[in-house]
N, C-alpha and C. Protein backbone atom coordinates (compact mmCIF):
# COMPACT_ATOMS: atom_id res chain seq x y z
N MET A 1 70.46 95.34 -31.11
CA MET A 1 69.63 96.44 -30.67
C MET A 1 68.42 95.85 -29.93
N LYS A 2 67.94 96.56 -28.93
CA LYS A 2 66.77 96.13 -28.18
C LYS A 2 65.51 96.77 -28.78
N LEU A 3 64.40 96.08 -28.65
CA LEU A 3 63.14 96.60 -29.16
C LEU A 3 62.81 97.95 -28.53
N SER A 4 63.19 98.13 -27.28
CA SER A 4 62.93 99.40 -26.60
C SER A 4 63.72 100.56 -27.20
N GLU A 5 64.76 100.27 -27.97
CA GLU A 5 65.60 101.30 -28.61
C GLU A 5 65.21 101.55 -30.07
N LEU A 6 64.33 100.73 -30.61
CA LEU A 6 63.95 100.82 -32.02
C LEU A 6 63.14 102.09 -32.28
N PRO A 7 63.54 102.89 -33.27
CA PRO A 7 62.75 104.09 -33.59
C PRO A 7 61.34 103.72 -34.05
N ARG A 8 60.39 104.60 -33.80
CA ARG A 8 59.01 104.34 -34.23
C ARG A 8 58.94 104.18 -35.74
N ARG A 9 58.00 103.30 -36.15
CA ARG A 9 57.69 103.05 -37.57
C ARG A 9 58.88 102.52 -38.35
N THR A 10 59.80 101.83 -37.68
CA THR A 10 60.95 101.20 -38.32
C THR A 10 60.80 99.69 -38.18
N ALA A 11 60.81 98.99 -39.32
CA ALA A 11 60.65 97.54 -39.28
C ALA A 11 61.93 96.87 -38.78
N ALA A 12 61.74 95.80 -38.02
CA ALA A 12 62.88 95.03 -37.51
C ALA A 12 62.46 93.56 -37.45
N ILE A 13 63.45 92.71 -37.28
CA ILE A 13 63.23 91.27 -37.16
C ILE A 13 63.68 90.83 -35.78
N VAL A 14 62.85 90.06 -35.11
CA VAL A 14 63.19 89.54 -33.79
C VAL A 14 64.34 88.53 -33.93
N GLN A 15 65.36 88.70 -33.10
CA GLN A 15 66.46 87.74 -33.05
C GLN A 15 66.26 86.78 -31.89
N ALA A 16 65.90 87.31 -30.72
CA ALA A 16 65.72 86.47 -29.54
C ALA A 16 65.04 87.27 -28.44
N VAL A 17 64.46 86.55 -27.51
CA VAL A 17 63.96 87.15 -26.27
C VAL A 17 64.90 86.67 -25.18
N GLU A 18 65.50 87.62 -24.48
CA GLU A 18 66.52 87.29 -23.49
C GLU A 18 65.92 87.25 -22.09
N ASP A 19 66.23 86.20 -21.35
CA ASP A 19 65.81 86.07 -19.96
C ASP A 19 66.68 86.96 -19.09
N GLN A 20 66.07 87.70 -18.18
CA GLN A 20 66.83 88.54 -17.25
C GLN A 20 67.17 87.77 -15.98
N ALA A 21 66.47 86.67 -15.76
CA ALA A 21 66.71 85.82 -14.59
C ALA A 21 66.33 84.40 -14.98
N PRO A 22 66.76 83.41 -14.22
CA PRO A 22 66.33 82.05 -14.52
C PRO A 22 64.80 81.95 -14.44
N ASN A 23 64.23 81.24 -15.41
CA ASN A 23 62.78 81.05 -15.47
C ASN A 23 62.03 82.39 -15.49
N ASP A 24 62.47 83.31 -16.34
CA ASP A 24 61.89 84.65 -16.47
C ASP A 24 60.48 84.55 -17.06
N ALA A 25 59.47 84.80 -16.23
CA ALA A 25 58.07 84.66 -16.65
C ALA A 25 57.69 85.65 -17.75
N ILE A 26 58.23 86.86 -17.69
CA ILE A 26 57.90 87.86 -18.71
C ILE A 26 58.49 87.46 -20.05
N ALA A 27 59.75 87.03 -20.07
CA ALA A 27 60.37 86.59 -21.32
C ALA A 27 59.62 85.39 -21.89
N ARG A 28 59.22 84.47 -21.04
CA ARG A 28 58.47 83.30 -21.51
C ARG A 28 57.15 83.73 -22.13
N ARG A 29 56.46 84.67 -21.49
CA ARG A 29 55.18 85.14 -22.01
C ARG A 29 55.35 85.87 -23.35
N LEU A 30 56.40 86.65 -23.49
CA LEU A 30 56.67 87.32 -24.76
C LEU A 30 56.84 86.30 -25.88
N ARG A 31 57.57 85.21 -25.60
CA ARG A 31 57.74 84.15 -26.61
C ARG A 31 56.40 83.50 -26.94
N GLU A 32 55.56 83.29 -25.92
CA GLU A 32 54.24 82.71 -26.15
C GLU A 32 53.35 83.62 -27.00
N LEU A 33 53.53 84.92 -26.87
CA LEU A 33 52.74 85.89 -27.63
C LEU A 33 53.20 86.02 -29.08
N GLY A 34 54.35 85.43 -29.43
CA GLY A 34 54.81 85.47 -30.81
C GLY A 34 56.12 86.18 -31.04
N PHE A 35 56.77 86.66 -29.99
CA PHE A 35 58.07 87.30 -30.13
C PHE A 35 59.13 86.21 -30.24
N VAL A 36 59.23 85.63 -31.45
CA VAL A 36 60.16 84.54 -31.71
C VAL A 36 61.07 84.92 -32.87
N SER A 37 62.19 84.26 -32.95
CA SER A 37 63.19 84.55 -33.97
C SER A 37 62.59 84.53 -35.37
N GLY A 38 62.88 85.59 -36.13
CA GLY A 38 62.43 85.68 -37.51
C GLY A 38 61.16 86.46 -37.73
N GLU A 39 60.43 86.77 -36.67
CA GLU A 39 59.18 87.52 -36.81
C GLU A 39 59.46 89.00 -37.02
N ARG A 40 58.66 89.64 -37.88
CA ARG A 40 58.78 91.08 -38.13
C ARG A 40 58.07 91.83 -37.01
N VAL A 41 58.69 92.89 -36.53
CA VAL A 41 58.14 93.68 -35.43
C VAL A 41 58.35 95.16 -35.73
N GLU A 42 57.45 95.98 -35.18
CA GLU A 42 57.55 97.42 -35.40
C GLU A 42 56.96 98.15 -34.19
N VAL A 43 57.62 99.21 -33.75
CA VAL A 43 57.07 100.07 -32.70
C VAL A 43 56.18 101.08 -33.40
N MET A 44 54.88 101.03 -33.08
CA MET A 44 53.92 101.89 -33.75
C MET A 44 53.80 103.27 -33.09
N ALA A 45 53.86 103.29 -31.77
CA ALA A 45 53.68 104.55 -31.03
C ALA A 45 54.24 104.39 -29.63
N ALA A 46 54.38 105.53 -28.96
CA ALA A 46 54.84 105.53 -27.57
C ALA A 46 53.90 106.42 -26.76
N GLY A 47 53.72 106.06 -25.52
CA GLY A 47 52.83 106.81 -24.63
C GLY A 47 53.34 108.21 -24.35
N PRO A 48 52.47 109.06 -23.79
CA PRO A 48 52.81 110.47 -23.58
C PRO A 48 53.72 110.74 -22.39
N ILE A 49 53.74 109.86 -21.41
CA ILE A 49 54.55 110.09 -20.22
C ILE A 49 55.75 109.16 -20.23
N ALA A 50 56.94 109.73 -20.34
CA ALA A 50 58.20 108.98 -20.39
C ALA A 50 58.20 107.97 -21.54
N ALA A 51 57.44 108.28 -22.60
CA ALA A 51 57.34 107.41 -23.78
C ALA A 51 56.99 105.98 -23.39
N GLU A 52 56.04 105.85 -22.45
CA GLU A 52 55.64 104.54 -21.97
C GLU A 52 54.13 104.48 -21.87
N PRO A 53 53.47 103.41 -22.28
CA PRO A 53 54.02 102.18 -22.84
C PRO A 53 54.32 102.33 -24.33
N LEU A 54 54.93 101.30 -24.89
CA LEU A 54 55.17 101.23 -26.33
C LEU A 54 54.06 100.40 -26.97
N LEU A 55 53.53 100.89 -28.08
CA LEU A 55 52.58 100.10 -28.86
C LEU A 55 53.40 99.37 -29.92
N VAL A 56 53.43 98.05 -29.83
CA VAL A 56 54.28 97.23 -30.68
C VAL A 56 53.42 96.32 -31.52
N GLN A 57 53.72 96.23 -32.81
CA GLN A 57 52.99 95.32 -33.69
C GLN A 57 53.91 94.19 -34.11
N ILE A 58 53.41 92.96 -33.93
CA ILE A 58 54.12 91.77 -34.40
C ILE A 58 53.10 90.97 -35.19
N GLY A 59 53.39 90.75 -36.45
CA GLY A 59 52.39 90.15 -37.33
C GLY A 59 51.25 91.13 -37.50
N PHE A 60 50.03 90.66 -37.25
CA PHE A 60 48.85 91.54 -37.36
C PHE A 60 48.30 91.90 -35.98
N THR A 61 49.07 91.63 -34.94
CA THR A 61 48.62 91.86 -33.57
C THR A 61 49.43 92.98 -32.92
N ARG A 62 48.75 93.80 -32.14
CA ARG A 62 49.42 94.90 -31.44
C ARG A 62 49.36 94.66 -29.93
N PHE A 63 50.46 95.00 -29.28
CA PHE A 63 50.59 94.86 -27.84
C PHE A 63 51.11 96.15 -27.24
N ALA A 64 50.69 96.45 -26.02
CA ALA A 64 51.28 97.55 -25.26
C ALA A 64 52.30 96.93 -24.31
N LEU A 65 53.55 97.35 -24.44
CA LEU A 65 54.63 96.81 -23.62
C LEU A 65 55.31 97.93 -22.84
N ARG A 66 55.69 97.62 -21.62
CA ARG A 66 56.56 98.54 -20.88
C ARG A 66 57.93 98.52 -21.53
N ARG A 67 58.68 99.58 -21.34
CA ARG A 67 60.04 99.62 -21.90
C ARG A 67 60.89 98.49 -21.34
N SER A 68 60.72 98.17 -20.06
CA SER A 68 61.49 97.09 -19.45
C SER A 68 61.17 95.74 -20.08
N GLU A 69 59.94 95.55 -20.52
CA GLU A 69 59.56 94.32 -21.22
C GLU A 69 60.13 94.31 -22.63
N ALA A 70 60.02 95.42 -23.33
CA ALA A 70 60.56 95.52 -24.69
C ALA A 70 62.08 95.37 -24.71
N ALA A 71 62.73 95.72 -23.62
CA ALA A 71 64.20 95.61 -23.55
C ALA A 71 64.66 94.15 -23.54
N ARG A 72 63.77 93.21 -23.29
CA ARG A 72 64.13 91.79 -23.31
C ARG A 72 64.20 91.24 -24.74
N VAL A 73 63.63 91.98 -25.71
CA VAL A 73 63.55 91.51 -27.10
C VAL A 73 64.69 92.11 -27.91
N ARG A 74 65.58 91.24 -28.41
CA ARG A 74 66.70 91.69 -29.25
C ARG A 74 66.24 91.62 -30.71
N VAL A 75 66.48 92.71 -31.46
CA VAL A 75 66.05 92.80 -32.86
C VAL A 75 67.21 93.25 -33.74
N ARG A 76 67.02 93.05 -35.03
CA ARG A 76 67.94 93.58 -36.04
C ARG A 76 67.10 94.29 -37.08
N PRO A 77 67.65 95.30 -37.76
CA PRO A 77 66.88 96.01 -38.78
C PRO A 77 66.38 95.06 -39.88
N ASP A 78 65.20 95.33 -40.39
CA ASP A 78 64.63 94.55 -41.50
C ASP A 78 65.11 95.19 -42.79
N THR A 79 66.22 94.70 -43.32
CA THR A 79 66.84 95.30 -44.50
C THR A 79 66.01 95.07 -45.76
N GLU A 80 65.18 94.03 -45.82
CA GLU A 80 64.34 93.78 -46.99
C GLU A 80 63.27 94.84 -47.13
N ARG A 81 62.70 95.30 -46.01
CA ARG A 81 61.67 96.34 -46.05
C ARG A 81 62.26 97.71 -46.29
N ALA A 82 63.51 97.91 -45.84
CA ALA A 82 64.15 99.22 -45.96
C ALA A 82 64.54 99.51 -47.39
N ALA A 83 64.78 98.48 -48.18
CA ALA A 83 65.24 98.67 -49.57
C ALA A 83 64.11 99.03 -50.49
């Protein structure tokens, strides 16, 4: 599942950030910001127009991401938090 598809207030774990092109600067920056395998992530809110941008929390930090940026982040549900 992609981060852009994750329902709001649902915990997930980052699996990978996928490059859309060779030397993808946006994917590289997402990894630098902490979107790395094993990190817990959650979509906190979505903007009023076309649900953009997404307010995403990773760790204790929140970022505003475009849907196209969030689509680069592959996640899986956080089953430990759901139980």
